[in-house]
Amino acid sequence: MEKHEIAVNLKAQLDVPVVVENDVKSMMMGVQADNQYESLAYVYMSQTGVGSAYYLNQQILKGNQAFSGELGLLPYQQPSMAVLEDICVQLFMTIALTIDPKQIIVAGPRLSSLSLSHIKEKIQTYLSLRYQLDIDISQDLISDGLNGLHYMGILRLFDIYTHYEKQTWKWIKNLFLCF
């Protein structure tokens, strides 16, 4: 979001690096920082819509106008659990067949009542049996988001002031947690 007005205005007023990022992209990067997935899709299902973020080729996939993953623009209104599961099936299959991530992480307030095994079974009826979709649920959105902001802030500072390897993140994170 470096091209957007808020980031430009903040950079002009502050003498420190500025990172402005979408909430779901931040959550995804928190998960990515801890697990170092080859490729990752993070799906957040709120009460009224869906947001998602994608990590491919060691980068956040942002798209032409930085709106990649903004599935929240496709809202739903308090669906039943059966309808919500069908939405998940269609959504996860679409992500799998377009982005093809190694891992899909899904998070949100209503997920505890969803049957992930039922969703996976439905997906397998549509996709080839040799296609193994790896889906997990994140239990801690706040931690995902804060870890992601921390991670992206540290990366930005390192990008500006040094040349480093991204694999050093776990070492850096542990160092900062000691203080």
Protein backbone atom coordinates (compact mmCIF):
# COMPACT_ATOMS: atom_id res chain seq x y z
CA MET A 1 0.00 0.00 0.00
CA GLU A 2 3.03 2.27 -0.36
CA LYS A 3 1.38 4.05 -3.32
CA HIS A 4 -1.76 4.98 -1.38
CA GLU A 5 -2.31 8.44 0.08
CA ILE A 6 -2.12 7.41 3.75
CA ALA A 7 1.34 5.89 3.36
CA VAL A 8 2.63 8.82 1.29
CA ASN A 9 1.38 11.32 3.91
CA LEU A 10 2.86 9.35 6.83
CA LYS A 11 6.22 9.01 5.10
CA ALA A 12 6.32 12.76 4.48
CA GLN A 13 5.71 13.51 8.19
CA LEU A 14 7.87 10.85 9.86
CA ASP A 15 11.56 10.15 9.77
CA VAL A 16 11.12 6.40 10.15
CA PRO A 17 10.14 3.69 7.67
CA VAL A 18 6.37 3.36 7.29
CA VAL A 19 4.55 0.10 6.54
CA VAL A 20 0.82 0.26 5.84
CA GLU A 21 -0.75 -3.14 5.31
CA ASN A 22 -4.12 -4.81 5.07
CA ASP A 23 -5.31 -6.67 8.21
CA VAL A 24 -5.64 -10.10 6.57
CA LYS A 25 -2.29 -9.73 4.80
CA SER A 26 -0.77 -8.94 8.21
CA MET A 27 -2.41 -12.03 9.73
CA MET A 28 -1.06 -14.17 6.88
CA MET A 29 2.46 -12.82 7.32
CA GLY A 30 2.32 -13.66 11.03
CA VAL A 31 1.58 -17.27 10.15
CA GLN A 32 4.19 -17.20 7.37
CA ALA A 33 6.85 -15.81 9.73
CA ASP A 34 6.38 -18.68 12.15
CA ASN A 35 6.07 -21.49 9.61
CA GLN A 36 7.96 -20.43 6.46
CA TYR A 37 5.49 -22.03 4.05
CA GLU A 38 6.54 -22.35 0.43
CA SER A 39 3.19 -20.85 -0.57
CA LEU A 40 0.25 -19.88 1.59
CA ALA A 41 -3.34 -18.68 1.36
CA TYR A 42 -4.88 -17.13 4.48
CA VAL A 43 -8.67 -16.83 4.51
CA TYR A 44 -10.50 -14.76 7.12
CA MET A 45 -14.24 -15.37 7.37
CA SER A 46 -15.95 -12.63 9.35
CA GLN A 47 -19.63 -12.45 10.25
CA THR A 48 -20.46 -10.72 6.98
CA GLY A 49 -17.80 -11.52 4.40
CA VAL A 50 -14.49 -13.02 3.40
CA GLY A 51 -10.99 -11.57 3.24
CA SER A 52 -7.94 -13.41 2.02
CA ALA A 53 -4.22 -12.97 1.38
CA TYR A 54 -1.70 -14.96 -0.62
CA TYR A 55 2.03 -15.56 -0.30
CA LEU A 56 3.88 -16.89 -3.36
CA ASN A 57 7.50 -16.78 -4.50
CA GLN A 58 8.59 -15.24 -1.18
CA GLN A 59 6.26 -12.26 -1.60
CA ILE A 60 2.79 -11.11 -0.66
CA LEU A 61 0.63 -11.28 -3.76
CA LYS A 62 -0.91 -7.82 -4.02
CA GLY A 63 -2.10 -7.48 -7.60
CA ASN A 64 -2.23 -4.49 -9.91
CA GLN A 65 -4.05 -2.13 -7.50
CA ALA A 66 -3.05 -3.87 -4.24
CA PHE A 67 -6.54 -5.40 -3.91
CA SER A 68 -5.58 -9.04 -4.41
CA GLY A 69 -7.47 -11.17 -1.90
CA GLU A 70 -10.08 -8.53 -1.10
CA LEU A 71 -12.88 -11.06 -1.19
CA GLY A 72 -14.68 -9.03 1.46
CA LEU A 73 -16.09 -7.17 -1.47
CA LEU A 74 -18.18 -10.34 -1.96
CA PRO A 75 -20.24 -10.24 1.25
CA TYR A 76 -22.76 -12.68 2.65
CA GLN A 77 -25.44 -12.11 5.28
CA GLN A 78 -25.39 -14.45 8.30
CA PRO A 79 -25.62 -17.73 6.37
CA SER A 80 -26.56 -21.01 7.99
CA MET A 81 -23.72 -23.43 8.80
CA ALA A 82 -24.58 -25.55 5.73
CA VAL A 83 -24.42 -22.50 3.46
CA LEU A 84 -21.21 -21.31 5.12
CA GLU A 85 -19.64 -24.74 4.55
CA ASP A 86 -20.67 -24.58 0.88
CA ILE A 87 -19.10 -21.12 0.63
CA CYS A 88 -15.90 -22.56 2.13
CA VAL A 89 -15.90 -25.45 -0.34
CA GLN A 90 -16.28 -23.12 -3.33
CA LEU A 91 -13.79 -20.62 -1.97
CA PHE A 92 -11.09 -23.15 -1.09
CA MET A 93 -11.44 -24.89 -4.44
CA THR A 94 -11.17 -21.57 -6.26
CA ILE A 95 -8.05 -20.65 -4.30
CA ALA A 96 -6.57 -24.11 -4.87
CA LEU A 97 -7.20 -24.01 -8.59
CA THR A 98 -6.03 -20.44 -9.20
CA ILE A 99 -3.23 -19.82 -6.69
CA ASP A 100 -2.41 -23.48 -5.87
CA PRO A 101 -0.88 -22.84 -2.44
CA LYS A 102 0.84 -25.54 -0.43
CA GLN A 103 -1.19 -24.50 2.62
CA ILE A 104 -4.55 -22.82 3.23
CA ILE A 105 -5.10 -21.34 6.69
CA VAL A 106 -8.65 -20.30 7.55
CA ALA A 107 -9.57 -18.08 10.48
CA GLY A 108 -12.66 -16.37 11.80
CA PRO A 109 -15.19 -16.12 14.61
CA ARG A 110 -17.63 -18.78 13.32
CA LEU A 111 -15.17 -21.52 12.43
CA SER A 112 -15.49 -23.50 15.64
CA SER A 113 -18.90 -24.70 14.50
CA LEU A 114 -17.78 -25.63 10.97
CA SER A 115 -16.80 -29.18 10.11
CA LEU A 116 -13.41 -28.97 8.41
CA SER A 117 -13.51 -32.70 7.65
CA HIS A 118 -16.92 -32.29 5.97
CA ILE A 119 -15.56 -29.39 3.90
CA LYS A 120 -12.53 -31.45 2.85
CA GLU A 121 -14.78 -34.39 1.88
CA LYS A 122 -16.91 -32.13 -0.32
CA ILE A 123 -13.82 -30.67 -1.95
CA GLN A 124 -12.54 -34.15 -2.75
CA THR A 125 -15.79 -34.97 -4.59
CA TYR A 126 -15.03 -32.14 -7.03
CA LEU A 127 -11.26 -32.17 -7.30
CA SER A 128 -9.07 -34.96 -8.57
CA LEU A 129 -8.35 -37.52 -5.87
CA ARG A 130 -4.63 -36.98 -6.35
CA TYR A 131 -5.03 -33.32 -5.37
CA GLN A 132 -4.44 -33.12 -1.63
CA LEU A 133 -5.59 -29.80 -0.26
CA ASP A 134 -3.90 -28.94 3.04
CA ILE A 135 -6.27 -26.79 5.13
CA ASP A 136 -5.77 -25.77 8.76
CA ILE A 137 -7.59 -23.45 11.14
CA SER A 138 -5.86 -20.62 12.96
CA GLN A 139 -7.05 -20.23 16.52
CA ASP A 140 -5.50 -16.84 17.29
CA LEU A 141 -6.25 -13.99 14.85
CA ILE A 142 -4.85 -11.27 17.08
CA SER A 143 -1.54 -13.07 17.48
CA ASP A 144 -1.40 -13.74 13.72
CA GLY A 145 -1.97 -10.06 12.96
CA LEU A 146 0.46 -8.67 15.54
CA ASN A 147 3.16 -11.17 14.57
CA GLY A 148 2.66 -10.16 10.95
CA LEU A 149 3.01 -6.44 11.69
CA HIS A 150 6.08 -7.13 13.80
CA TYR A 151 7.57 -9.32 11.06
CA MET A 152 6.89 -6.84 8.25
CA GLY A 153 8.23 -3.94 10.31
CA ILE A 154 11.47 -5.76 11.07
CA LEU A 155 11.80 -6.81 7.43
CA ARG A 156 11.32 -3.22 6.29
CA LEU A 157 14.03 -1.97 8.63
CA PHE A 158 16.40 -4.71 7.50
CA ASP A 159 15.62 -4.00 3.83
CA ILE A 160 16.51 -0.36 4.34
CA TYR A 161 19.60 -0.70 6.50
CA THR A 162 21.14 -4.10 5.71
CA HIS A 163 21.24 -7.06 3.38
CA TYR A 164 19.90 -10.11 5.16
CA GLU A 165 18.32 -13.51 4.67
CA LYS A 166 14.58 -13.81 5.41
CA GLN A 167 15.23 -17.16 7.11
CA THR A 168 16.77 -15.28 10.03
CA TRP A 169 13.28 -14.15 11.14
CA LYS A 170 12.88 -16.79 13.87
CA TRP A 171 16.23 -15.83 15.36
CA ILE A 172 15.34 -12.12 15.22
CA LYS A 173 11.87 -12.71 16.69
CA ASN A 174 13.33 -14.70 19.60
CA LEU A 175 15.89 -11.97 20.22
CA PHE A 176 13.17 -9.29 20.47
CA LEU A 177 11.01 -11.48 22.71
CA CYS A 178 13.90 -11.69 25.20
CA PHE A 179 13.64 -7.95 25.93
